[in-house]
PDB file of N, CA and C in Angstrom:
ATOM      1  N   MET A   1       0.652  -1.039   0.119  1.00  0.00           N
ATOM      2  CA  MET A   1       0.065   0.047   0.304  1.00  0.00           C
ATOM      3  C   MET A   1       0.492   1.101  -0.029  1.00  0.00           C
ATOM      4  N   ALA A   2       1.783   1.085  -0.934  1.00  0.00           N
ATOM      5  CA  ALA A   2       2.527   2.273  -1.013  1.00  0.00           C
ATOM      6  C   ALA A   2       1.955   3.540  -1.079  1.00  0.00           C
ATOM      7  N   SER A   3       0.791   4.315  -1.843  1.00  0.00           N
ATOM      8  CA  SER A   3      -0.179   5.296  -1.624  1.00  0.00           C
ATOM      9  C   SER A   3       0.159   5.482  -0.525  1.00  0.00           C
ATOM     10  N   GLY A   4      -0.566   5.029   0.864  1.00  0.00           N
ATOM     11  CA  GLY A   4      -0.581   5.833   1.964  1.00  0.00           C
ATOM     12  C   GLY A   4      -2.120   5.637   2.333  1.00  0.00           C
ATOM     13  N   TYR A   5      -2.997   5.048   1.710  1.00  0.00           N
ATOM     14  CA  TYR A   5      -4.355   5.620   1.974  1.00  0.00           C
ATOM     15  C   TYR A   5      -5.309   4.060   1.762  1.00  0.00           C
ATOM     16  N   GLY A   6      -5.739   4.278   3.080  1.00  0.00           N
ATOM     17  CA  GLY A   6      -6.745   2.669   3.345  1.00  0.00           C
ATOM     18  C   GLY A   6      -7.713   2.336   2.651  1.00  0.00           C
ATOM     19  N   LEU A   7      -8.589   1.424   2.920  1.00  0.00           N
ATOM     20  CA  LEU A   7      -9.861   1.442   2.341  1.00  0.00           C
ATOM     21  C   LEU A   7     -11.034   2.192   2.999  1.00  0.00           C
ATOM     22  N   ASN A   8     -10.611   3.298   3.938  1.00  0.00           N
ATOM     23  CA  ASN A   8     -11.651   4.346   3.833  1.00  0.00           C
ATOM     24  C   ASN A   8     -11.350   5.429   3.321  1.00  0.00           C
ATOM     25  N   GLY A   9     -10.448   5.475   2.689  1.00  0.00           N
ATOM     26  CA  GLY A   9     -10.177   6.775   1.964  1.00  0.00           C
ATOM     27  C   GLY A   9      -8.642   7.506   2.713  1.00  0.00           C
ATOM     28  N   GLY A  10      -9.006   6.840   3.901  1.00  0.00           N
ATOM     29  CA  GLY A  10      -8.123   7.899   4.639  1.00  0.00           C
ATOM     30  C   GLY A  10      -6.534   7.636   4.690  1.00  0.00           C
ATOM     31  N   PRO A  11      -5.940   8.259   5.160  1.00  0.00           N
ATOM     32  CA  PRO A  11      -4.349   7.397   5.307  1.00  0.00           C
ATOM     33  C   PRO A  11      -4.209   6.545   6.092  1.00  0.00           C
ATOM     34  N   SER A  12      -3.436   5.227   5.841  1.00  0.00           N
ATOM     35  CA  SER A  12      -3.627   4.049   6.783  1.00  0.00           C
ATOM     36  C   SER A  12      -2.558   3.898   7.823  1.00  0.00           C
ATOM     37  N   ARG A  13      -2.779   3.134   8.712  1.00  0.00           N
ATOM     38  CA  ARG A  13      -2.256   3.738  10.182  1.00  0.00           C
ATOM     39  C   ARG A  13      -0.997   3.517  10.024  1.00  0.00           C
ATOM     40  N   CYS A  14      -0.269   2.456   8.908  1.00  0.00           N
ATOM     41  CA  CYS A  14       1.261   2.613   8.839  1.00  0.00           C
ATOM     42  C   CYS A  14       1.828   3.477   7.564  1.00  0.00           C
ATOM     43  N   PHE A  15       1.017   4.521   7.371  1.00  0.00           N
ATOM     44  CA  PHE A  15       1.567   5.524   6.390  1.00  0.00           C
ATOM     45  C   PHE A  15       2.625   6.154   6.922  1.00  0.00           C
ATOM     46  N   PRO A  16       2.686   6.771   8.420  1.00  0.00           N
ATOM     47  CA  PRO A  16       3.806   7.725   8.737  1.00  0.00           C
ATOM     48  C   PRO A  16       5.155   6.660   8.852  1.00  0.00           C
ATOM     49  N   PHE A  17       4.893   5.799   8.921  1.00  0.00           N
ATOM     50  CA  PHE A  17       6.451   4.503   9.224  1.00  0.00           C
ATOM     51  C   PHE A  17       6.233   4.885   7.788  1.00  0.00           C
ATOM     52  N   TRP A  18       5.895   4.364   6.905  1.00  0.00           N
ATOM     53  CA  TRP A  18       6.081   4.457   5.558  1.00  0.00           C
ATOM     54  C   TRP A  18       7.216   5.898   5.316  1.00  0.00           C
ATOM     55  N   GLN A  19       6.528   7.053   5.015  1.00  0.00           N
ATOM     56  CA  GLN A  19       6.981   7.971   4.919  1.00  0.00           C
ATOM     57  C   GLN A  19       8.513   7.943   5.611  1.00  0.00           C
ATOM     58  N   GLU A  20       8.828   7.748   6.730  1.00  0.00           N
ATOM     59  CA  GLU A  20      10.245   7.763   7.876  1.00  0.00           C
ATOM     60  C   GLU A  20      11.183   6.430   6.703  1.00  0.00           C
ATOM     61  N   VAL A  21      10.445   5.585   6.004  1.00  0.00           N
ATOM     62  CA  VAL A  21      11.367   5.070   5.349  1.00  0.00           C
ATOM     63  C   VAL A  21      11.764   5.171   4.061  1.00  0.00           C
ATOM     64  N   LEU A  22      11.040   6.086   3.245  1.00  0.00           N
ATOM     65  CA  LEU A  22      11.280   6.572   2.143  1.00  0.00           C
ATOM     66  C   LEU A  22      12.061   7.731   2.394  1.00  0.00           C
ATOM     67  N   ALA A  23      11.981   8.878   3.520  1.00  0.00           N
ATOM     68  CA  ALA A  23      12.729   9.571   3.904  1.00  0.00           C
ATOM     69  C   ALA A  23      13.786   9.515   4.227  1.00  0.00           C
ATOM     70  N   CYS A  24      14.368   8.040   4.572  1.00  0.00           N
ATOM     71  CA  CYS A  24      15.930   7.252   5.023  1.00  0.00           C
ATOM     72  C   CYS A  24      15.972   6.754   3.482  1.00  0.00           C
ATOM     73  N   TYR A  25      15.650   5.946   2.990  1.00  0.00           N
ATOM     74  CA  TYR A  25      15.969   5.838   1.434  1.00  0.00           C
ATOM     75  C   TYR A  25      16.512   7.684   0.483  1.00  0.00           C
ATOM     76  N   VAL A  26      15.841   8.371   0.327  1.00  0.00           N
ATOM     77  CA  VAL A  26      16.179   9.348  -0.202  1.00  0.00           C
ATOM     78  C   VAL A  26      17.195   9.789   0.305  1.00  0.00           C
ATOM     79  N   THR A  27      17.388  10.204   2.264  1.00  0.00           N
ATOM     80  CA  THR A  27      18.922  10.932   2.270  1.00  0.00           C
ATOM     81  C   THR A  27      19.938  10.086   2.591  1.00  0.00           C
ATOM     82  N   ASN A  28      19.844   8.771   2.598  1.00  0.00           N
ATOM     83  CA  ASN A  28      21.070   7.821   2.618  1.00  0.00           C
ATOM     84  C   ASN A  28      21.298   7.147   1.642  1.00  0.00           C
ATOM     85  N   THR A  29      20.988   7.297   0.403  1.00  0.00           N
ATOM     86  CA  THR A  29      21.109   6.371  -1.069  1.00  0.00           C
ATOM     87  C   THR A  29      20.963   7.475  -2.092  1.00  0.00           C
ATOM     88  N   SER A  30      22.102   6.557  -2.709  1.00  0.00           N
ATOM     89  CA  SER A  30      21.898   7.839  -4.198  1.00  0.00           C
ATOM     90  C   SER A  30      21.942   6.735  -5.711  1.00  0.00           C
ATOM     91  N   PRO A  31      21.521   7.295  -6.204  1.00  0.00           N
ATOM     92  CA  PRO A  31      21.624   6.373  -8.113  1.00  0.00           C
ATOM     93  C   PRO A  31      22.941   5.578  -7.711  1.00  0.00           C
ATOM     94  N   GLU A  32      24.243   6.214  -7.441  1.00  0.00           N
ATOM     95  CA  GLU A  32      25.426   5.255  -7.847  1.00  0.00           C
ATOM     96  C   GLU A  32      25.671   4.551  -6.652  1.00  0.00           C
ATOM     97  N   SER A  33      25.030   4.782  -5.043  1.00  0.00           N
ATOM     98  CA  SER A  33      25.073   3.876  -4.444  1.00  0.00           C
ATOM     99  C   SER A  33      24.032   3.302  -3.248  1.00  0.00           C
ATOM    100  N   ASP A  34      23.439   2.395  -3.398  1.00  0.00           N
ATOM    101  CA  ASP A  34      22.586   2.165  -1.999  1.00  0.00           C
ATOM    102  C   ASP A  34      23.663   1.698  -0.890  1.00  0.00           C
ATOM    103  N   ALA A  35      24.613   2.024  -0.453  1.00  0.00           N
ATOM    104  CA  ALA A  35      25.326   1.108   0.542  1.00  0.00           C
ATOM    105  C   ALA A  35      24.814   1.788   1.715  1.00  0.00           C
ATOM    106  N   GLY A  36      23.808   2.980   1.479  1.00  0.00           N
ATOM    107  CA  GLY A  36      23.169   3.510   2.741  1.00  0.00           C
ATOM    108  C   GLY A  36      22.083   3.030   3.119  1.00  0.00           C
ATOM    109  N   LYS A  37      21.624   2.036   2.618  1.00  0.00           N
ATOM    110  CA  LYS A  37      20.679   1.230   3.134  1.00  0.00           C
ATOM    111  C   LYS A  37      20.277   0.915   4.285  1.00  0.00           C
ATOM    112  N   ILE A  38      21.596   0.455   4.458  1.00  0.00           N
ATOM    113  CA  ILE A  38      21.626  -0.474   6.040  1.00  0.00           C
ATOM    114  C   ILE A  38      21.243   0.174   6.828  1.00  0.00           C
ATOM    115  N   LYS A  39      21.424   1.720   7.140  1.00  0.00           N
ATOM    116  CA  LYS A  39      20.794   2.857   7.937  1.00  0.00           C
ATOM    117  C   LYS A  39      19.322   2.974   8.120  1.00  0.00           C
ATOM    118  N   CYS A  40      18.728   2.333   7.081  1.00  0.00           N
ATOM    119  CA  CYS A  40      17.528   2.285   7.258  1.00  0.00           C
ATOM    120  C   CYS A  40      16.799   1.048   7.710  1.00  0.00           C
ATOM    121  N   GLN A  41      17.694   0.353   8.259  1.00  0.00           N
ATOM    122  CA  GLN A  41      16.771  -1.031   8.558  1.00  0.00           C
ATOM    123  C   GLN A  41      16.289  -0.857   9.700  1.00  0.00           C
ATOM    124  N   PRO A  42      16.404   0.126  10.773  1.00  0.00           N
ATOM    125  CA  PRO A  42      15.636   0.282  11.882  1.00  0.00           C
ATOM    126  C   PRO A  42      13.898   0.953  11.639  1.00  0.00           C
ATOM    127  N   VAL A  43      13.984   1.978  10.567  1.00  0.00           N
ATOM    128  CA  VAL A  43      13.149   1.950  10.517  1.00  0.00           C
ATOM    129  C   VAL A  43      11.847   1.102   9.584  1.00  0.00           C
ATOM    130  N   LEU A  44      12.786   0.318   8.415  1.00  0.00           N
ATOM    131  CA  LEU A  44      12.302  -0.166   7.858  1.00  0.00           C
ATOM    132  C   LEU A  44      11.498  -1.537   8.920  1.00  0.00           C
ATOM    133  N   GLU A  45      12.051  -1.985   9.788  1.00  0.00           N
ATOM    134  CA  GLU A  45      11.226  -3.095  10.905  1.00  0.00           C
ATOM    135  C   GLU A  45      10.325  -2.497  11.537  1.00  0.00           C
ATOM    136  N   ASP A  46      10.222  -1.172  11.439  1.00  0.00           N
ATOM    137  CA  ASP A  46       8.773  -0.466  12.485  1.00  0.00           C
ATOM    138  C   ASP A  46       7.835  -0.159  12.012  1.00  0.00           C
ATOM    139  N   TYR A  47       8.082  -0.373  10.121  1.00  0.00           N
ATOM    140  CA  TYR A  47       7.001  -0.579   9.005  1.00  0.00           C
ATOM    141  C   TYR A  47       6.858  -1.598   9.048  1.00  0.00           C
ATOM    142  N   TYR A  48       7.590  -2.599   8.799  1.00  0.00           N
ATOM    143  CA  TYR A  48       6.922  -4.039   8.952  1.00  0.00           C
ATOM    144  C   TYR A  48       6.108  -4.637  10.309  1.00  0.00           C
ATOM    145  N   GLU A  49       6.760  -4.239  11.230  1.00  0.00           N
ATOM    146  CA  GLU A  49       6.048  -4.106  12.531  1.00  0.00           C
ATOM    147  C   GLU A  49       4.763  -3.407  12.419  1.00  0.00           C
ATOM    148  N   CYS A  50       4.529  -2.606  12.247  1.00  0.00           N
ATOM    149  CA  CYS A  50       3.007  -1.678  12.270  1.00  0.00           C
ATOM    150  C   CYS A  50       2.572  -2.231  11.165  1.00  0.00           C
ATOM    151  N   LEU A  51       2.599  -2.769   9.896  1.00  0.00           N
ATOM    152  CA  LEU A  51       2.106  -4.115   9.074  1.00  0.00           C
ATOM    153  C   LEU A  51       1.448  -5.605   9.723  1.00  0.00           C
ATOM    154  N   HIS A  52       2.283  -6.161   9.991  1.00  0.00           N
ATOM    155  CA  HIS A  52       1.996  -7.677  10.722  1.00  0.00           C
ATOM    156  C   HIS A  52       1.881  -7.706  12.187  1.00  0.00           C
ATOM    157  N   HIS A  53       2.529  -7.226  12.987  1.00  0.00           N
ATOM    158  CA  HIS A  53       2.763  -7.375  14.581  1.00  0.00           C
ATOM    159  C   HIS A  53       3.273  -8.644  15.034  1.00  0.00           C
ATOM    160  N   LYS A  54       4.291  -8.753  14.311  1.00  0.00           N
ATOM    161  CA  LYS A  54       4.699 -10.024  14.438  1.00  0.00           C
ATOM    162  C   LYS A  54       5.473  -9.887  15.672  1.00  0.00           C
ATOM    163  N   LYS A  55       6.457  -8.823  16.204  1.00  0.00           N
ATOM    164  CA  LYS A  55       7.113  -8.689  17.392  1.00  0.00           C
ATOM    165  C   LYS A  55       5.880  -8.582  18.656  1.00  0.00           C
ATOM    166  N   GLU A  56       4.618  -7.784  18.587  1.00  0.00           N
ATOM    167  CA  GLU A  56       3.473  -7.841  19.729  1.00  0.00           C
ATOM    168  C   GLU A  56       3.771  -9.213  19.382  1.00  0.00           C
ATOM    169  N   ALA A  57       2.904  -9.484  19.111  1.00  0.00           N
ATOM    170  CA  ALA A  57       2.612 -11.375  19.255  1.00  0.00           C
ATOM    171  C   ALA A  57       3.651 -12.396  19.975  1.00  0.00           C
ATOM    172  N   ALA A  58       4.394 -11.860  19.306  1.00  0.00           N
ATOM    173  CA  ALA A  58       5.496 -13.151  20.077  1.00  0.00           C
ATOM    174  C   ALA A  58       5.585 -12.620  21.387  1.00  0.00           C
ATOM    175  N   ARG A  59       5.552 -11.294  21.878  1.00  0.00           N
ATOM    176  CA  ARG A  59       5.750 -10.531  23.261  1.00  0.00           C
ATOM    177  C   ARG A  59       4.140 -11.055  24.041  1.00  0.00           C
ATOM    178  N   THR A  60       3.259 -11.278  23.480  1.00  0.00           N
ATOM    179  CA  THR A  60       1.869 -11.479  23.567  1.00  0.00           C
ATOM    180  C   THR A  60       1.817 -12.950  24.479  1.00  0.00           C
ATOM    181  N   LEU A  61       2.618 -13.283  23.377  1.00  0.00           N
ATOM    182  CA  LEU A  61       2.646 -15.017  23.857  1.00  0.00           C
ATOM    183  C   LEU A  61       3.119 -15.729  24.818  1.00  0.00           C
ATOM    184  N   ALA A  62       4.616 -14.971  25.163  1.00  0.00           N
ATOM    185  CA  ALA A  62       5.446 -15.458  26.052  1.00  0.00           C
ATOM    186  C   ALA A  62       5.229 -14.964  27.063  1.00  0.00           C
ATOM    187  N   LEU A  63       4.861 -13.176  27.357  1.00  0.00           N
ATOM    188  CA  LEU A  63       3.964 -12.666  28.456  1.00  0.00           C
ATOM    189  C   LEU A  63       3.057 -13.862  29.264  1.00  0.00           C
ATOM    190  N   GLN A  64       1.591 -14.449  28.187  1.00  0.00           N
ATOM    191  CA  GLN A  64       0.774 -15.356  27.904  1.00  0.00           C
ATOM    192  C   GLN A  64       1.525 -17.078  28.953  1.00  0.00           C
ATOM    193  N   ALA A  65       2.600 -17.531  28.323  1.00  0.00           N
ATOM    194  CA  ALA A  65       3.189 -18.372  28.831  1.00  0.00           C
ATOM    195  C   ALA A  65       3.689 -18.371  30.117  1.00  0.00           C
ATOM    196  N   ALA A  66       4.144 -16.954  29.986  1.00  0.00           N
ATOM    197  CA  ALA A  66       5.044 -16.968  31.784  1.00  0.00           C
ATOM    198  C   ALA A  66       4.238 -16.803  33.042  1.00  0.00           C
ATOM    199  N   TYR A  67       2.773 -16.297  32.269  1.00  0.00           N
ATOM    200  CA  TYR A  67       1.315 -15.873  33.672  1.00  0.00           C
ATOM    201  C   TYR A  67       0.765 -17.524  33.596  1.00  0.00           C
ATOM    202  N   ARG A  68       0.706 -18.297  32.327  1.00  0.00           N
ATOM    203  CA  ARG A  68       0.374 -19.257  33.053  1.00  0.00           C
ATOM    204  C   ARG A  68       0.949 -20.630  33.841  1.00  0.00           C
ATOM    205  N   LYS A  69       2.620 -20.215  33.231  1.00  0.00           N
ATOM    206  CA  LYS A  69       3.844 -21.203  33.992  1.00  0.00           C
ATOM    207  C   LYS A  69       3.561 -20.434  35.775  1.00  0.00           C
ATOM    208  N   LYS A  70       3.267 -19.529  35.646  1.00  0.00           N
ATOM    209  CA  LYS A  70       3.355 -18.593  37.324  1.00  0.00           C
ATOM    210  C   LYS A  70       2.016 -19.263  37.808  1.00  0.00           C
ATOM    211  N   GLU A  71       0.654 -19.121  37.267  1.00  0.00           N
ATOM    212  CA  GLU A  71      -0.285 -19.453  37.817  1.00  0.00           C
ATOM    213  C   GLU A  71      -0.310 -21.104  38.232  1.00  0.00           C
ATOM    214  N   ALA A  72      -0.073 -21.595  37.519  1.00  0.00           N
ATOM    215  CA  ALA A  72       0.331 -23.473  37.837  1.00  0.00           C
ATOM    216  C   ALA A  72       1.198 -23.945  39.077  1.00  0.00           C
ATOM    217  N   GLN A  73       2.464 -22.562  39.210  1.00  0.00           N
ATOM    218  CA  GLN A  73       2.915 -22.968  40.218  1.00  0.00           C
ATOM    219  C   GLN A  73       2.517 -22.598  41.961  1.00  0.00           C
ATOM    220  N   ILE A  74       1.659 -22.086  41.587  1.00  0.00           N
ATOM    221  CA  ILE A  74       0.378 -21.394  42.869  1.00  0.00           C
ATOM    222  C   ILE A  74      -0.386 -22.389  43.632  1.00  0.00           C
ATOM    223  N   THR A  75      -0.061 -22.714  44.460  1.00  0.00           N
ATOM    224  CA  THR A  75      -0.666 -23.536  45.221  1.00  0.00           C
ATOM    225  C   THR A  75      -1.607 -23.299  46.078  1.00  0.00           C
ATOM    226  N   ARG A  76      -2.833 -23.634  46.086  1.00  0.00           N
ATOM    227  CA  ARG A  76      -4.276 -23.162  46.654  1.00  0.00           C
ATOM    228  C   ARG A  76      -4.557 -24.024  48.245  1.00  0.00           C
ATOM    229  N   ASP A  77      -4.273 -23.593  49.010  1.00  0.00           N
ATOM    230  CA  ASP A  77      -4.545 -23.803  50.515  1.00  0.00           C
ATOM    231  C   ASP A  77      -5.830 -23.729  50.563  1.00  0.00           C
ATOM    232  N   ASP A  78      -6.829 -23.092  50.099  1.00  0.00           N
ATOM    233  CA  ASP A  78      -7.620 -22.740  50.415  1.00  0.00           C
ATOM    234  C   ASP A  78      -8.873 -23.421  49.208  1.00  0.00           C
ATOM    235  N   ALA A  79      -8.304 -24.469  48.166  1.00  0.00           N
ATOM    236  CA  ALA A  79      -8.915 -24.900  47.414  1.00  0.00           C
ATOM    237  C   ALA A  79      -9.765 -25.495  47.734  1.00  0.00           C
ATOM    238  N   PRO A  80     -11.492 -25.496  47.362  1.00  0.00           N
ATOM    239  CA  PRO A  80     -12.617 -26.627  47.940  1.00  0.00           C
ATOM    240  C   PRO A  80     -12.178 -27.707  47.451  1.00  0.00           C
ATOM    241  N   SER A  81     -13.032 -28.490  47.956  1.00  0.00           N
ATOM    242  CA  SER A  81     -12.678 -30.519  47.807  1.00  0.00           C
ATOM    243  C   SER A  81     -13.671 -30.510  46.618  1.00  0.00           C
ATOM    244  N   ALA A  82     -13.834 -32.007  46.418  1.00  0.00           N
ATOM    245  CA  ALA A  82     -14.653 -32.173  45.633  1.00  0.00           C
ATOM    246  C   ALA A  82     -15.745 -32.148  46.243  1.00  0.00           C
ATOM    247  N   GLY A  83     -16.052 -32.809  47.254  1.00  0.00           N
ATOM    248  CA  GLY A  83     -17.295 -32.955  48.463  1.00  0.00           C
ATOM    249  C   GLY A  83     -18.149 -31.648  48.202  1.00  0.00           C
ATOM    250  N   GLU A  84     -17.175 -30.354  48.500  1.00  0.00           N
ATOM    251  CA  GLU A  84     -17.708 -29.078  48.791  1.00  0.00           C
ATOM    252  C   GLU A  84     -17.782 -28.556  47.633  1.00  0.00           C
ATOM    253  N   ILE A  85     -17.609 -28.870  46.685  1.00  0.00           N
ATOM    254  CA  ILE A  85     -17.997 -28.822  45.236  1.00  0.00           C
ATOM    255  C   ILE A  85     -19.652 -28.923  44.766  1.00  0.00           C
ATOM    256  N   ARG A  86     -19.406 -30.344  45.146  1.00  0.00           N
ATOM    257  CA  ARG A  86     -20.736 -31.161  44.736  1.00  0.00           C
ATOM    258  C   ARG A  86     -21.711 -30.474  45.821  1.00  0.00           C
ATOM    259  N   ARG A  87     -21.619 -30.403  47.090  1.00  0.00           N
ATOM    260  CA  ARG A  87     -22.428 -29.694  47.998  1.00  0.00           C
ATOM    261  C   ARG A  87     -23.322 -28.364  47.533  1.00  0.00           C
ATOM    262  N   LEU A  88     -22.394 -27.788  46.730  1.00  0.00           N
ATOM    263  CA  LEU A  88     -22.888 -26.561  45.928  1.00  0.00           C
ATOM    264  C   LEU A  88     -23.477 -26.862  44.546  1.00  0.00           C
ATOM    265  N   GLY A  89     -23.952 -28.241  44.132  1.00  0.00           N
ATOM    266  CA  GLY A  89     -24.650 -28.096  43.192  1.00  0.00           C
ATOM    267  C   GLY A  89     -23.874 -28.181  41.893  1.00  0.00           C
ATOM    268  N   VAL A  90     -22.753 -28.368  41.963  1.00  0.00           N
ATOM    269  CA  VAL A  90     -22.018 -27.735  40.410  1.00  0.00           C
ATOM    270  C   VAL A  90     -21.787 -29.237  40.228  1.00  0.00           C
ATOM    271  N   LEU A  91     -21.262 -29.902  40.784  1.00  0.00           N
ATOM    272  CA  LEU A  91     -21.113 -31.272  40.170  1.00  0.00           C
ATOM    273  C   LEU A  91     -22.435 -32.037  40.335  1.00  0.00           C
ATOM    274  N   ASP A  92     -22.031 -33.478  40.408  1.00  0.00           N
ATOM    275  CA  ASP A  92     -23.671 -34.538  40.256  1.00  0.00           C
ATOM    276  C   ASP A  92     -24.129 -34.552  41.797  1.00  0.00           C
ATOM    277  N   ALA A  93     -25.431 -33.932  41.328  1.00  0.00           N
ATOM    278  CA  ALA A  93     -26.223 -33.609  42.816  1.00  0.00           C
ATOM    279  C   ALA A  93     -27.813 -34.228  41.734  1.00  0.00           C
ATOM    280  N   PRO A  94     -28.876 -34.456  42.365  1.00  0.00           N
ATOM    281  CA  PRO A  94     -29.977 -34.446  42.320  1.00  0.00           C
ATOM    282  C   PRO A  94     -30.821 -33.323  41.849  1.00  0.00           C
ATOM    283  N   LEU A  95     -31.457 -33.334  40.861  1.00  0.00           N
ATOM    284  CA  LEU A  95     -31.699 -31.655  40.378  1.00  0.00           C
ATOM    285  C   LEU A  95     -32.754 -30.981  41.385  1.00  0.00           C
ATOM    286  N   GLU A  96     -33.491 -31.729  42.570  1.00  0.00           N
ATOM    287  CA  GLU A  96     -34.057 -31.527  43.327  1.00  0.00           C
ATOM    288  C   GLU A  96     -32.820 -30.764  44.299  1.00  0.00           C
ATOM    289  N   GLU A  97     -32.017 -30.803  44.695  1.00  0.00           N
ATOM    290  CA  GLU A  97     -30.537 -30.423  45.397  1.00  0.00           C
ATOM    291  C   GLU A  97     -30.043 -28.992  44.558  1.00  0.00           C
ATOM    292  N   LYS A  98     -30.030 -29.122  43.141  1.00  0.00           N
ATOM    293  CA  LYS A  98     -30.174 -27.916  42.402  1.00  0.00           C
ATOM    294  C   LYS A  98     -31.022 -26.742  42.230  1.00  0.00           C
ATOM    295  N   ASN A  99     -32.157 -27.623  42.713  1.00  0.00           N
ATOM    296  CA  ASN A  99     -33.378 -26.700  42.437  1.00  0.00           C
ATOM    297  C   ASN A  99     -34.164 -26.243  40.535  1.00  0.00           C
ATOM    298  N   LEU A 100     -33.656 -27.498  40.339  1.00  0.00           N
ATOM    299  CA  LEU A 100     -33.819 -26.915  38.784  1.00  0.00           C
ATOM    300  C   LEU A 100     -35.157 -28.179  38.529  1.00  0.00           C
ATOM    301  N   LYS A 101     -35.517 -27.843  37.550  1.00  0.00           N
ATOM    302  CA  LYS A 101     -36.673 -29.507  36.596  1.00  0.00           C
ATOM    303  C   LYS A 101     -36.120 -29.522  36.024  1.00  0.00           C
ATOM    304  N   PRO A 102     -36.466 -30.749  35.690  1.00  0.00           N
ATOM    305  CA  PRO A 102     -36.062 -31.493  34.642  1.00  0.00           C
ATOM    306  C   PRO A 102     -36.771 -30.512  33.057  1.00  0.00           C
ATOM    307  N   SER A 103     -35.759 -30.512  31.833  1.00  0.00           N
ATOM    308  CA  SER A 103     -36.761 -29.720  30.921  1.00  0.00           C
ATOM    309  C   SER A 103     -36.601 -30.735  29.845  1.00  0.00           C
ATOM    310  N   LYS A 104     -37.621 -30.644  28.571  1.00  0.00           N
ATOM    311  CA  LYS A 104     -36.963 -31.804  27.499  1.00  0.00           C
ATOM    312  C   LYS A 104     -35.988 -30.932  26.476  1.00  0.00           C
ATOM    313  N   TRP A 105     -35.722 -29.966  26.625  1.00  0.00           N
ATOM    314  CA  TRP A 105     -34.644 -29.165  25.955  1.00  0.00           C
ATOM    315  C   TRP A 105     -33.246 -29.221  26.473  1.00  0.00           C
ATOM    316  N   PHE A 106     -32.702 -29.496  27.110  1.00  0.00           N
ATOM    317  CA  PHE A 106     -32.034 -29.204  27.820  1.00  0.00           C
ATOM    318  C   PHE A 106     -31.517 -30.872  28.897  1.00  0.00           C
ATOM    319  N   PRO A 107     -30.230 -31.476  27.559  1.00  0.00           N
ATOM    320  CA  PRO A 107     -29.648 -32.658  28.421  1.00  0.00           C
ATOM    321  C   PRO A 107     -29.575 -32.986  30.408  1.00  0.00           C
ATOM    322  N   HIS A 108     -30.054 -33.910  30.862  1.00  0.00           N
ATOM    323  CA  HIS A 108     -30.157 -34.079  32.126  1.00  0.00           C
ATOM    324  C   HIS A 108     -29.410 -35.079  32.275  1.00  0.00           C
ATOM    325  N   LYS A 109     -29.107 -35.674  33.712  1.00  0.00           N
ATOM    326  CA  LYS A 109     -28.660 -36.924  34.181  1.00  0.00           C
ATOM    327  C   LYS A 109     -29.276 -37.213  35.564  1.00  0.00           C
ATOM    328  N   GLU A 110     -29.865 -38.278  35.582  1.00  0.00           N
ATOM    329  CA  GLU A 110     -30.546 -38.576  36.646  1.00  0.00           C
ATOM    330  C   GLU A 110     -29.637 -39.307  37.535  1.00  0.00           C
ATOM    331  N   ILE A 111     -29.526 -39.169  39.084  1.00  0.00           N
ATOM    332  CA  ILE A 111     -28.650 -39.479  39.647  1.00  0.00           C
ATOM    333  C   ILE A 111     -29.338 -40.340  40.577  1.00  0.00           C
ATOM    334  N   ASN A 112     -29.133 -41.237  41.442  1.00  0.00           N
ATOM    335  CA  ASN A 112     -30.287 -42.496  42.448  1.00  0.00           C
ATOM    336  C   ASN A 112     -29.185 -42.144  44.174  1.00  0.00           C
TER     337      ASN A 112
END
């Protein structure tokens, strides 16, 4: 999208980054030599990140993995037992104990 305009007619969200890339190339390269391109690598990376969000996605995945690992290490001393959960009616319990009426629309399991 070198023109810099998005589908809604206005400038795309990455257009400012594209302008920086162009300015860098104009400043650091010439028809005789494009050796200055190396100086433009950081702004080009910023432009690609704006387009594809790969670094952001990688950071998000790393943070989520670290969070899940930390959560798995935490032991709960106050965790309810299976019996306590059953008394709440969350697990196997008669419909009367759950204060529910059988319905033909929702599956239910009869418990003896």
